[in-house]
């Protein structure tokens, strides 16, 4: 049996992040060696750190170290509306056991750097929030790049519309996906660092909806503490589940990290090898910041353009229900 994959998670601690974190914490093929949070995303920084630590109480490793990043991106100030942030901060009114473990005192980028440095083997990073922490890491510590086996990023939109304006109509941006939009400079640093990258954009996640049919199936199967909490969270957010706009964004990226074959398809061709650039310019009248566009030069990125819905659903249910 192969050794578990050592993984660091960087997260903005939204409901789909909770599912991705629990999926990897429960997975026998993974060892999560640390989690960093960002305040440049859905949850605010202080509740993000608290909620992740408490979420770990549902797992076999509640003492997994957790470090906080910053509430300011490397560039601009794109933010989610509070109508989305506050429910994430407050766990949709749910409660978790209190984790007595303290927050790691190191800033997230330092925590990531020193954890990578001290690891006896290269580590895979799962980025499921704005890319401020990973971007700062690769920008400020290029010496650590050989210790990164791969960065799996949930983010971007290639051949489908972005989701920024659909979430917050105050933004005119129709082409970017939120995790890239939140910190375009951080994303640029990650995409250009030369580390192997697997990108899981909206193109892939559109194949795995979180809908009422899956909710009903999951409800019937939820037996472990982790699965019951996910069920309760989905119940609390049931209006979104039934809206037709909820997809397995972050959990799909987590699953592809462990099982890349979930994204392999002949039609549509997936994954695709692409050289991508992150648009940096902010134009309030025609905002395309965060759009991913083809580039002539740069590192090649492996982009998942499809996902095997049935296999993902089966794996998600099985792993979340491990005791």
C-alpha atoms as a PDB file:
ATOM      1  CA  UNK A   1       0.000   0.000   0.000  1.00  0.00           C
ATOM      2  CA  UNK A   2       1.396   3.420  -0.937  1.00  0.00           C
ATOM      3  CA  UNK A   3       2.213   5.971   1.728  1.00  0.00           C
ATOM      4  CA  UNK A   4      -0.371   8.696   2.450  1.00  0.00           C
ATOM      5  CA  UNK A   5       0.072  11.974   0.568  1.00  0.00           C
ATOM      6  CA  UNK A   6       1.270  14.778   2.864  1.00  0.00           C
ATOM      7  CA  UNK A   7      -1.001  17.779   2.298  1.00  0.00           C
ATOM      8  CA  UNK A   8      -1.214  21.401   3.411  1.00  0.00           C
ATOM      9  CA  UNK A   9      -4.619  23.084   3.002  1.00  0.00           C
ATOM     10  CA  UNK A  10      -5.102  26.815   2.456  1.00  0.00           C
ATOM     11  CA  UNK A  11      -8.748  27.788   2.863  1.00  0.00           C
ATOM     12  CA  UNK A  12     -11.230  30.640   3.199  1.00  0.00           C
ATOM     13  CA  UNK A  13     -13.457  28.391   5.315  1.00  0.00           C
ATOM     14  CA  UNK A  14     -16.786  28.452   3.499  1.00  0.00           C
ATOM     15  CA  UNK A  15     -19.283  25.587   3.558  1.00  0.00           C
ATOM     16  CA  UNK A  16     -17.667  23.808   0.603  1.00  0.00           C
ATOM     17  CA  UNK A  17     -14.272  24.277   2.297  1.00  0.00           C
ATOM     18  CA  UNK A  18     -15.650  22.490   5.371  1.00  0.00           C
ATOM     19  CA  UNK A  19     -16.528  19.540   3.159  1.00  0.00           C
ATOM     20  CA  UNK A  20     -13.127  19.536   1.434  1.00  0.00           C
ATOM     21  CA  UNK A  21     -11.261  19.717   4.750  1.00  0.00           C
ATOM     22  CA  UNK A  22     -13.263  16.894   6.284  1.00  0.00           C
ATOM     23  CA  UNK A  23     -12.876  14.802   3.116  1.00  0.00           C
ATOM     24  CA  UNK A  24      -9.072  15.019   3.273  1.00  0.00           C
ATOM     25  CA  UNK A  25      -8.935  14.617   7.052  1.00  0.00           C
ATOM     26  CA  UNK A  26     -10.995  11.426   6.736  1.00  0.00           C
ATOM     27  CA  UNK A  27      -9.164  10.050   3.689  1.00  0.00           C
ATOM     28  CA  UNK A  28      -6.850   7.100   4.390  1.00  0.00           C
ATOM     29  CA  UNK A  29      -4.622   8.120   1.476  1.00  0.00           C
ATOM     30  CA  UNK A  30      -3.861  11.567   2.913  1.00  0.00           C
ATOM     31  CA  UNK A  31      -2.077  13.043   5.906  1.00  0.00           C
ATOM     32  CA  UNK A  32      -3.024  16.680   6.452  1.00  0.00           C
ATOM     33  CA  UNK A  33       0.044  18.202   8.118  1.00  0.00           C
ATOM     34  CA  UNK A  34      -1.345  21.708   8.520  1.00  0.00           C
ATOM     35  CA  UNK A  35      -4.067  24.170   7.550  1.00  0.00           C
ATOM     36  CA  UNK A  36      -3.743  27.887   6.858  1.00  0.00           C
ATOM     37  CA  UNK A  37      -6.673  30.270   6.660  1.00  0.00           C
ATOM     38  CA  UNK A  38      -7.151  33.461   4.718  1.00  0.00           C
ATOM     39  CA  UNK A  39      -9.344  36.418   5.563  1.00  0.00           C
ATOM     40  CA  UNK A  40      -9.350  37.331   1.864  1.00  0.00           C
ATOM     41  CA  UNK A  41     -12.351  35.219   1.031  1.00  0.00           C
ATOM     42  CA  UNK A  42     -15.627  34.143   2.579  1.00  0.00           C
ATOM     43  CA  UNK A  43     -15.036  33.805   6.330  1.00  0.00           C
ATOM     44  CA  UNK A  44     -13.427  36.655   8.229  1.00  0.00           C
ATOM     45  CA  UNK A  45      -9.997  35.838   9.597  1.00  0.00           C
ATOM     46  CA  UNK A  46     -10.765  35.361  13.315  1.00  0.00           C
ATOM     47  CA  UNK A  47     -13.822  33.099  12.953  1.00  0.00           C
ATOM     48  CA  UNK A  48     -12.044  31.240  10.138  1.00  0.00           C
ATOM     49  CA  UNK A  49      -9.257  30.135  12.465  1.00  0.00           C
ATOM     50  CA  UNK A  50     -11.681  29.201  15.224  1.00  0.00           C
ATOM     51  CA  UNK A  51     -14.046  27.303  12.928  1.00  0.00           C
ATOM     52  CA  UNK A  52     -11.287  25.245  11.307  1.00  0.00           C
ATOM     53  CA  UNK A  53      -9.892  24.237  14.689  1.00  0.00           C
ATOM     54  CA  UNK A  54     -13.336  23.256  15.926  1.00  0.00           C
ATOM     55  CA  UNK A  55     -14.052  21.387  12.683  1.00  0.00           C
ATOM     56  CA  UNK A  56     -11.003  19.244  13.417  1.00  0.00           C
ATOM     57  CA  UNK A  57     -12.766  17.986  16.535  1.00  0.00           C
ATOM     58  CA  UNK A  58     -14.868  15.824  14.213  1.00  0.00           C
ATOM     59  CA  UNK A  59     -11.726  14.055  12.992  1.00  0.00           C
ATOM     60  CA  UNK A  60      -9.054  11.775  14.416  1.00  0.00           C
ATOM     61  CA  UNK A  61      -6.461  14.585  14.387  1.00  0.00           C
ATOM     62  CA  UNK A  62      -7.888  17.598  16.270  1.00  0.00           C
ATOM     63  CA  UNK A  63      -4.366  18.823  17.052  1.00  0.00           C
ATOM     64  CA  UNK A  64      -3.517  19.414  13.366  1.00  0.00           C
ATOM     65  CA  UNK A  65      -1.844  22.858  13.386  1.00  0.00           C
ATOM     66  CA  UNK A  66      -3.850  25.819  12.065  1.00  0.00           C
ATOM     67  CA  UNK A  67      -2.368  29.231  11.212  1.00  0.00           C
ATOM     68  CA  UNK A  68      -4.023  32.485  10.155  1.00  0.00           C
ATOM     69  CA  UNK A  69      -3.028  34.646   7.234  1.00  0.00           C
ATOM     70  CA  UNK A  70      -4.068  38.186   6.489  1.00  0.00           C
ATOM     71  CA  UNK A  71      -7.292  40.009   5.760  1.00  0.00           C
ATOM     72  CA  UNK A  72      -5.691  42.049   2.962  1.00  0.00           C
ATOM     73  CA  UNK A  73      -4.925  40.646  -0.514  1.00  0.00           C
ATOM     74  CA  UNK A  74      -1.666  41.480  -2.289  1.00  0.00           C
ATOM     75  CA  UNK A  75      -3.535  43.802  -4.630  1.00  0.00           C
ATOM     76  CA  UNK A  76      -6.975  45.506  -4.807  1.00  0.00           C
ATOM     77  CA  UNK A  77      -9.704  44.896  -2.227  1.00  0.00           C
ATOM     78  CA  UNK A  78     -12.217  42.547  -3.836  1.00  0.00           C
ATOM     79  CA  UNK A  79     -14.420  40.990  -1.168  1.00  0.00           C
ATOM     80  CA  UNK A  80     -17.502  38.815  -0.797  1.00  0.00           C
ATOM     81  CA  UNK A  81     -20.700  40.501   0.432  1.00  0.00           C
ATOM     82  CA  UNK A  82     -21.442  40.172   4.145  1.00  0.00           C
ATOM     83  CA  UNK A  83     -24.632  38.304   3.263  1.00  0.00           C
ATOM     84  CA  UNK A  84     -22.315  35.394   2.416  1.00  0.00           C
ATOM     85  CA  UNK A  85     -19.528  36.058   4.928  1.00  0.00           C
ATOM     86  CA  UNK A  86     -21.598  36.256   8.113  1.00  0.00           C
ATOM     87  CA  UNK A  87     -23.336  32.857   7.693  1.00  0.00           C
ATOM     88  CA  UNK A  88     -19.910  31.255   7.148  1.00  0.00           C
ATOM     89  CA  UNK A  89     -18.498  33.030  10.194  1.00  0.00           C
ATOM     90  CA  UNK A  90     -21.364  31.741  12.338  1.00  0.00           C
ATOM     91  CA  UNK A  91     -21.514  28.212  10.867  1.00  0.00           C
ATOM     92  CA  UNK A  92     -25.099  28.867   9.724  1.00  0.00           C
ATOM     93  CA  UNK A  93     -26.094  28.779  13.378  1.00  0.00           C
ATOM     94  CA  UNK A  94     -24.614  25.328  13.991  1.00  0.00           C
ATOM     95  CA  UNK A  95     -22.246  24.488  16.820  1.00  0.00           C
ATOM     96  CA  UNK A  96     -19.091  22.403  16.964  1.00  0.00           C
ATOM     97  CA  UNK A  97     -17.130  21.013  19.907  1.00  0.00           C
ATOM     98  CA  UNK A  98     -14.596  23.553  21.126  1.00  0.00           C
ATOM     99  CA  UNK A  99     -11.021  22.666  20.234  1.00  0.00           C
ATOM    100  CA  UNK A 100      -8.633  23.422  23.108  1.00  0.00           C
ATOM    101  CA  UNK A 101      -5.678  23.605  20.714  1.00  0.00           C
ATOM    102  CA  UNK A 102      -4.354  27.134  20.247  1.00  0.00           C
ATOM    103  CA  UNK A 103      -3.906  28.804  16.899  1.00  0.00           C
ATOM    104  CA  UNK A 104      -0.336  28.512  15.597  1.00  0.00           C
ATOM    105  CA  UNK A 105       1.269  31.899  16.316  1.00  0.00           C
ATOM    106  CA  UNK A 106       3.113  32.106  12.993  1.00  0.00           C
ATOM    107  CA  UNK A 107       1.674  34.098  10.071  1.00  0.00           C
ATOM    108  CA  UNK A 108       0.298  31.755   7.423  1.00  0.00           C
ATOM    109  CA  UNK A 109       3.083  32.259   4.867  1.00  0.00           C
ATOM    110  CA  UNK A 110       5.748  31.627   7.527  1.00  0.00           C
ATOM    111  CA  UNK A 111       3.824  28.611   8.791  1.00  0.00           C
ATOM    112  CA  UNK A 112       3.582  27.167   5.272  1.00  0.00           C
ATOM    113  CA  UNK A 113       7.270  27.843   4.600  1.00  0.00           C
ATOM    114  CA  UNK A 114       8.548  26.279   7.810  1.00  0.00           C
ATOM    115  CA  UNK A 115       6.219  23.288   7.554  1.00  0.00           C
ATOM    116  CA  UNK A 116       7.438  22.625   4.015  1.00  0.00           C
ATOM    117  CA  UNK A 117      11.059  23.161   5.044  1.00  0.00           C
ATOM    118  CA  UNK A 118      10.778  20.687   7.900  1.00  0.00           C
ATOM    119  CA  UNK A 119       8.917  18.022   5.927  1.00  0.00           C
ATOM    120  CA  UNK A 120      11.059  14.980   5.056  1.00  0.00           C
ATOM    121  CA  UNK A 121       9.345  14.772   1.666  1.00  0.00           C
ATOM    122  CA  UNK A 122       7.674  17.132  -0.835  1.00  0.00           C
ATOM    123  CA  UNK A 123       4.177  18.219   0.135  1.00  0.00           C
ATOM    124  CA  UNK A 124       1.051  18.841  -1.939  1.00  0.00           C
ATOM    125  CA  UNK A 125      -0.814  22.102  -1.295  1.00  0.00           C
ATOM    126  CA  UNK A 126      -4.576  22.354  -1.746  1.00  0.00           C
ATOM    127  CA  UNK A 127      -5.595  25.968  -2.342  1.00  0.00           C
ATOM    128  CA  UNK A 128      -9.352  26.456  -1.866  1.00  0.00           C
ATOM    129  CA  UNK A 129      -9.552  30.186  -1.198  1.00  0.00           C
ATOM    130  CA  UNK A 130      -8.052  33.362  -2.540  1.00  0.00           C
ATOM    131  CA  UNK A 131      -4.386  32.774  -3.325  1.00  0.00           C
ATOM    132  CA  UNK A 132      -2.898  35.374  -0.968  1.00  0.00           C
ATOM    133  CA  UNK A 133      -1.127  32.895   1.316  1.00  0.00           C
ATOM    134  CA  UNK A 134       0.241  30.586  -1.416  1.00  0.00           C
ATOM    135  CA  UNK A 135       1.149  33.629  -3.538  1.00  0.00           C
ATOM    136  CA  UNK A 136       3.054  35.205  -0.669  1.00  0.00           C
ATOM    137  CA  UNK A 137       4.786  31.891   0.016  1.00  0.00           C
ATOM    138  CA  UNK A 138       6.130  31.360  -3.497  1.00  0.00           C
ATOM    139  CA  UNK A 139       6.963  35.055  -3.969  1.00  0.00           C
ATOM    140  CA  UNK A 140       8.903  35.499  -0.728  1.00  0.00           C
ATOM    141  CA  UNK A 141      10.414  32.025  -0.412  1.00  0.00           C
ATOM    142  CA  UNK A 142      11.443  30.749  -3.854  1.00  0.00           C
ATOM    143  CA  UNK A 143      13.958  28.455  -2.153  1.00  0.00           C
ATOM    144  CA  UNK A 144      11.068  26.319  -0.888  1.00  0.00           C
ATOM    145  CA  UNK A 145       9.667  25.450  -4.321  1.00  0.00           C
ATOM    146  CA  UNK A 146      11.462  22.052  -4.528  1.00  0.00           C
ATOM    147  CA  UNK A 147       9.594  21.003  -1.373  1.00  0.00           C
ATOM    148  CA  UNK A 148       6.210  21.537  -3.067  1.00  0.00           C
ATOM    149  CA  UNK A 149       5.153  18.398  -4.926  1.00  0.00           C
ATOM    150  CA  UNK A 150       2.117  20.060  -6.526  1.00  0.00           C
ATOM    151  CA  UNK A 151      -0.374  22.831  -5.915  1.00  0.00           C
ATOM    152  CA  UNK A 152      -3.994  21.895  -6.568  1.00  0.00           C
ATOM    153  CA  UNK A 153      -6.034  25.062  -7.034  1.00  0.00           C
ATOM    154  CA  UNK A 154      -9.797  25.335  -7.095  1.00  0.00           C
ATOM    155  CA  UNK A 155     -10.233  28.421  -9.216  1.00  0.00           C
ATOM    156  CA  UNK A 156     -10.746  30.045 -12.568  1.00  0.00           C
ATOM    157  CA  UNK A 157     -13.090  29.736 -15.506  1.00  0.00           C
ATOM    158  CA  UNK A 158     -11.771  28.662 -18.919  1.00  0.00           C
ATOM    159  CA  UNK A 159     -14.625  28.080 -21.385  1.00  0.00           C
ATOM    160  CA  UNK A 160     -17.517  28.955 -19.081  1.00  0.00           C
ATOM    161  CA  UNK A 161     -18.672  32.277 -17.595  1.00  0.00           C
ATOM    162  CA  UNK A 162     -17.185  33.492 -14.337  1.00  0.00           C
ATOM    163  CA  UNK A 163     -19.223  33.605 -11.139  1.00  0.00           C
ATOM    164  CA  UNK A 164     -18.293  36.968  -9.616  1.00  0.00           C
ATOM    165  CA  UNK A 165     -21.257  39.040 -10.787  1.00  0.00           C
ATOM    166  CA  UNK A 166     -23.736  36.221 -10.238  1.00  0.00           C
ATOM    167  CA  UNK A 167     -22.755  36.249  -6.559  1.00  0.00           C
ATOM    168  CA  UNK A 168     -22.462  40.025  -6.100  1.00  0.00           C
ATOM    169  CA  UNK A 169     -24.195  42.219  -8.669  1.00  0.00           C
ATOM    170  CA  UNK A 170     -22.218  45.249  -7.491  1.00  0.00           C
ATOM    171  CA  UNK A 171     -19.289  43.840  -9.442  1.00  0.00           C
ATOM    172  CA  UNK A 172     -19.397  44.073 -13.237  1.00  0.00           C
ATOM    173  CA  UNK A 173     -16.939  41.215 -13.698  1.00  0.00           C
ATOM    174  CA  UNK A 174     -18.504  38.358 -15.700  1.00  0.00           C
ATOM    175  CA  UNK A 175     -15.352  36.418 -16.584  1.00  0.00           C
ATOM    176  CA  UNK A 176     -13.478  35.712 -13.332  1.00  0.00           C
ATOM    177  CA  UNK A 177     -14.033  33.049 -10.690  1.00  0.00           C
ATOM    178  CA  UNK A 178     -13.968  34.216  -7.073  1.00  0.00           C
ATOM    179  CA  UNK A 179     -10.817  32.492  -5.798  1.00  0.00           C
ATOM    180  CA  UNK A 180      -8.747  34.093  -8.556  1.00  0.00           C
ATOM    181  CA  UNK A 181     -10.628  37.404  -8.411  1.00  0.00           C
ATOM    182  CA  UNK A 182      -9.957  37.848  -4.690  1.00  0.00           C
ATOM    183  CA  UNK A 183      -6.200  38.201  -5.198  1.00  0.00           C
ATOM    184  CA  UNK A 184      -5.118  38.376  -8.817  1.00  0.00           C
ATOM    185  CA  UNK A 185      -1.503  39.102  -7.884  1.00  0.00           C
ATOM    186  CA  UNK A 186      -1.349  36.108  -5.563  1.00  0.00           C
ATOM    187  CA  UNK A 187      -2.774  33.942  -8.342  1.00  0.00           C
ATOM    188  CA  UNK A 188      -0.222  35.317 -10.799  1.00  0.00           C
ATOM    189  CA  UNK A 189       2.634  34.460  -8.443  1.00  0.00           C
ATOM    190  CA  UNK A 190       1.382  30.894  -8.030  1.00  0.00           C
ATOM    191  CA  UNK A 191       0.747  30.319 -11.748  1.00  0.00           C
ATOM    192  CA  UNK A 192       4.221  31.565 -12.669  1.00  0.00           C
ATOM    193  CA  UNK A 193       6.246  29.884  -9.902  1.00  0.00           C
ATOM    194  CA  UNK A 194       7.073  26.764 -11.915  1.00  0.00           C
ATOM    195  CA  UNK A 195       5.723  24.232  -9.411  1.00  0.00           C
ATOM    196  CA  UNK A 196       3.436  21.579 -10.966  1.00  0.00           C
ATOM    197  CA  UNK A 197      -0.124  22.912 -10.767  1.00  0.00           C
ATOM    198  CA  UNK A 198      -3.464  21.191 -11.188  1.00  0.00           C
ATOM    199  CA  UNK A 199      -6.272  23.688 -11.736  1.00  0.00           C
ATOM    200  CA  UNK A 200      -9.873  22.690 -11.026  1.00  0.00           C
ATOM    201  CA  UNK A 201     -11.952  25.503 -12.567  1.00  0.00           C
ATOM    202  CA  UNK A 202     -15.687  26.052 -12.863  1.00  0.00           C
ATOM    203  CA  UNK A 203     -15.541  24.053 -16.112  1.00  0.00           C
ATOM    204  CA  UNK A 204     -14.982  20.881 -14.081  1.00  0.00           C
ATOM    205  CA  UNK A 205     -17.134  21.648 -11.050  1.00  0.00           C
ATOM    206  CA  UNK A 206     -20.201  22.263 -13.243  1.00  0.00           C
ATOM    207  CA  UNK A 207     -20.326  18.497 -13.741  1.00  0.00           C
ATOM    208  CA  UNK A 208     -20.846  17.829 -10.012  1.00  0.00           C
ATOM    209  CA  UNK A 209     -23.842  19.770  -8.689  1.00  0.00           C
ATOM    210  CA  UNK A 210     -24.791  19.838  -5.042  1.00  0.00           C
ATOM    211  CA  UNK A 211     -28.517  19.428  -5.606  1.00  0.00           C
ATOM    212  CA  UNK A 212     -31.564  18.079  -3.789  1.00  0.00           C
ATOM    213  CA  UNK A 213     -31.105  14.591  -5.247  1.00  0.00           C
ATOM    214  CA  UNK A 214     -27.597  14.313  -3.824  1.00  0.00           C
ATOM    215  CA  UNK A 215     -28.704  15.935  -0.568  1.00  0.00           C
ATOM    216  CA  UNK A 216     -31.358  13.245  -0.127  1.00  0.00           C
ATOM    217  CA  UNK A 217     -28.885  10.486  -0.910  1.00  0.00           C
ATOM    218  CA  UNK A 218     -26.314  11.917   1.485  1.00  0.00           C
ATOM    219  CA  UNK A 219     -28.891  12.396   4.233  1.00  0.00           C
ATOM    220  CA  UNK A 220     -29.764   8.709   4.081  1.00  0.00           C
ATOM    221  CA  UNK A 221     -26.105   7.715   4.354  1.00  0.00           C
ATOM    222  CA  UNK A 222     -24.734  10.171   6.929  1.00  0.00           C
ATOM    223  CA  UNK A 223     -23.576   8.246   9.989  1.00  0.00           C
ATOM    224  CA  UNK A 224     -20.156   9.568  11.051  1.00  0.00           C
ATOM    225  CA  UNK A 225     -19.766  12.809  13.051  1.00  0.00           C
ATOM    226  CA  UNK A 226     -18.180  14.479  10.003  1.00  0.00           C
ATOM    227  CA  UNK A 227     -20.973  13.371   7.664  1.00  0.00           C
ATOM    228  CA  UNK A 228     -23.698  14.376  10.119  1.00  0.00           C
ATOM    229  CA  UNK A 229     -22.209  17.852  10.454  1.00  0.00           C
ATOM    230  CA  UNK A 230     -22.044  18.236   6.661  1.00  0.00           C
ATOM    231  CA  UNK A 231     -25.671  17.111   6.445  1.00  0.00           C
ATOM    232  CA  UNK A 232     -26.682  19.646   9.099  1.00  0.00           C
ATOM    233  CA  UNK A 233     -24.789  22.405   7.280  1.00  0.00           C
ATOM    234  CA  UNK A 234     -26.449  21.566   3.976  1.00  0.00           C
ATOM    235  CA  UNK A 235     -29.816  21.516   5.721  1.00  0.00           C
ATOM    236  CA  UNK A 236     -29.125  24.960   7.166  1.00  0.00           C
ATOM    237  CA  UNK A 237     -28.251  26.160   3.658  1.00  0.00           C
ATOM    238  CA  UNK A 238     -30.963  24.163   1.909  1.00  0.00           C
ATOM    239  CA  UNK A 239     -32.217  27.133  -0.096  1.00  0.00           C
ATOM    240  CA  UNK A 240     -28.834  27.249  -1.838  1.00  0.00           C
ATOM    241  CA  UNK A 241     -28.826  23.482  -2.339  1.00  0.00           C
ATOM    242  CA  UNK A 242     -32.166  23.696  -4.152  1.00  0.00           C
ATOM    243  CA  UNK A 243     -31.303  26.881  -6.071  1.00  0.00           C
ATOM    244  CA  UNK A 244     -29.410  25.139  -8.872  1.00  0.00           C
ATOM    245  CA  UNK A 245     -26.326  27.266  -8.222  1.00  0.00           C
ATOM    246  CA  UNK A 246     -24.463  25.105  -5.686  1.00  0.00           C
ATOM    247  CA  UNK A 247     -21.623  22.884  -6.950  1.00  0.00           C
ATOM    248  CA  UNK A 248     -18.925  20.782  -5.318  1.00  0.00           C
ATOM    249  CA  UNK A 249     -16.199  23.348  -5.970  1.00  0.00           C
ATOM    250  CA  UNK A 250     -13.660  22.707  -3.210  1.00  0.00           C
ATOM    251  CA  UNK A 251     -14.514  19.067  -2.415  1.00  0.00           C
ATOM    252  CA  UNK A 252     -13.987  18.197  -6.084  1.00  0.00           C
ATOM    253  CA  UNK A 253     -10.514  19.755  -6.013  1.00  0.00           C
ATOM    254  CA  UNK A 254      -9.745  17.774  -2.847  1.00  0.00           C
ATOM    255  CA  UNK A 255     -10.926  14.543  -4.472  1.00  0.00           C
ATOM    256  CA  UNK A 256      -8.906  15.168  -7.651  1.00  0.00           C
ATOM    257  CA  UNK A 257      -5.837  15.783  -5.501  1.00  0.00           C
ATOM    258  CA  UNK A 258      -6.137  12.204  -4.243  1.00  0.00           C
ATOM    259  CA  UNK A 259      -7.543  10.610  -7.404  1.00  0.00           C
ATOM    260  CA  UNK A 260      -6.592  12.515 -10.580  1.00  0.00           C
ATOM    261  CA  UNK A 261      -8.485   9.972 -12.693  1.00  0.00           C
ATOM    262  CA  UNK A 262     -11.708  11.694 -11.611  1.00  0.00           C
ATOM    263  CA  UNK A 263     -10.857  14.416 -14.143  1.00  0.00           C
ATOM    264  CA  UNK A 264      -9.790  12.175 -17.044  1.00  0.00           C
ATOM    265  CA  UNK A 265     -12.023  12.257 -20.108  1.00  0.00           C
ATOM    266  CA  UNK A 266     -11.654  11.837 -23.866  1.00  0.00           C
ATOM    267  CA  UNK A 267     -14.689  14.009 -24.618  1.00  0.00           C
ATOM    268  CA  UNK A 268     -14.429  16.708 -23.491  1.00  0.00           C
ATOM    269  CA  UNK A 269     -10.632  16.405 -23.443  1.00  0.00           C
ATOM    270  CA  UNK A 270      -9.582  16.519 -19.807  1.00  0.00           C
ATOM    271  CA  UNK A 271      -7.193  17.345 -18.319  1.00  0.00           C
ATOM    272  CA  UNK A 272      -5.759  19.923 -20.732  1.00  0.00           C
ATOM    273  CA  UNK A 273      -2.240  21.273 -20.576  1.00  0.00           C
ATOM    274  CA  UNK A 274      -2.422  25.071 -20.803  1.00  0.00           C
ATOM    275  CA  UNK A 275      -0.250  28.139 -20.310  1.00  0.00           C
ATOM    276  CA  UNK A 276      -2.405  30.706 -18.563  1.00  0.00           C
ATOM    277  CA  UNK A 277      -2.021  34.327 -17.573  1.00  0.00           C
ATOM    278  CA  UNK A 278      -4.068  36.088 -14.889  1.00  0.00           C
ATOM    279  CA  UNK A 279      -5.453  39.459 -16.020  1.00  0.00           C
ATOM    280  CA  UNK A 280      -4.307  42.079 -13.506  1.00  0.00           C
ATOM    281  CA  UNK A 281      -5.902  45.287 -14.758  1.00  0.00           C
ATOM    282  CA  UNK A 282      -8.923  46.590 -12.875  1.00  0.00           C
ATOM    283  CA  UNK A 283     -11.355  48.560 -15.053  1.00  0.00           C
ATOM    284  CA  UNK A 284     -14.545  49.404 -13.195  1.00  0.00           C
ATOM    285  CA  UNK A 285     -16.524  49.763 -16.439  1.00  0.00           C
ATOM    286  CA  UNK A 286     -15.210  46.573 -18.066  1.00  0.00           C
ATOM    287  CA  UNK A 287     -13.647  44.578 -15.273  1.00  0.00           C
ATOM    288  CA  UNK A 288     -11.790  41.494 -16.431  1.00  0.00           C
ATOM    289  CA  UNK A 289      -9.377  41.257 -13.499  1.00  0.00           C
ATOM    290  CA  UNK A 290      -8.867  37.627 -12.541  1.00  0.00           C
ATOM    291  CA  UNK A 291      -9.768  36.306 -15.982  1.00  0.00           C
ATOM    292  CA  UNK A 292      -7.569  33.422 -17.104  1.00  0.00           C
ATOM    293  CA  UNK A 293      -6.318  33.926 -20.650  1.00  0.00           C
ATOM    294  CA  UNK A 294      -3.954  31.873 -22.833  1.00  0.00           C
ATOM    295  CA  UNK A 295      -0.329  32.996 -22.743  1.00  0.00           C
ATOM    296  CA  UNK A 296       2.518  32.389 -25.169  1.00  0.00           C
ATOM    297  CA  UNK A 297       5.150  31.719 -22.534  1.00  0.00           C
ATOM    298  CA  UNK A 298       5.254  30.355 -19.017  1.00  0.00           C
ATOM    299  CA  UNK A 299       4.855  27.128 -17.067  1.00  0.00           C
ATOM    300  CA  UNK A 300       2.252  24.679 -18.290  1.00  0.00           C
ATOM    301  CA  UNK A 301      -0.712  24.026 -15.999  1.00  0.00           C
ATOM    302  CA  UNK A 302      -2.818  20.866 -15.934  1.00  0.00           C
ATOM    303  CA  UNK A 303      -6.456  21.954 -16.127  1.00  0.00           C
ATOM    304  CA  UNK A 304      -9.362  19.683 -15.238  1.00  0.00           C
ATOM    305  CA  UNK A 305     -12.157  20.356 -17.723  1.00  0.00           C
ATOM    306  CA  UNK A 306     -14.506  17.551 -16.669  1.00  0.00           C
ATOM    307  CA  UNK A 307     -15.331  15.466 -13.621  1.00  0.00           C
ATOM    308  CA  UNK A 308     -16.790  12.002 -13.151  1.00  0.00           C
ATOM    309  CA  UNK A 309     -19.914  12.835 -11.175  1.00  0.00           C
ATOM    310  CA  UNK A 310     -20.925   9.322 -10.167  1.00  0.00           C
ATOM    311  CA  UNK A 311     -17.474   8.268  -8.974  1.00  0.00           C
ATOM    312  CA  UNK A 312     -17.019  11.534  -7.115  1.00  0.00           C
ATOM    313  CA  UNK A 313     -20.379  11.188  -5.378  1.00  0.00           C
ATOM    314  CA  UNK A 314     -19.535   7.620  -4.334  1.00  0.00           C
ATOM    315  CA  UNK A 315     -16.103   8.607  -3.007  1.00  0.00           C
ATOM    316  CA  UNK A 316     -17.414  11.631  -1.155  1.00  0.00           C
ATOM    317  CA  UNK A 317     -20.093   9.634   0.646  1.00  0.00           C
ATOM    318  CA  UNK A 318     -17.734   6.754   1.463  1.00  0.00           C
ATOM    319  CA  UNK A 319     -14.902   8.924   2.790  1.00  0.00           C
ATOM    320  CA  UNK A 320     -17.106  11.282   4.847  1.00  0.00           C
ATOM    321  CA  UNK A 321     -18.659   8.282   6.558  1.00  0.00           C
ATOM    322  CA  UNK A 322     -15.417   6.667   7.632  1.00  0.00           C
ATOM    323  CA  UNK A 323     -15.272   6.343  11.401  1.00  0.00           C
END
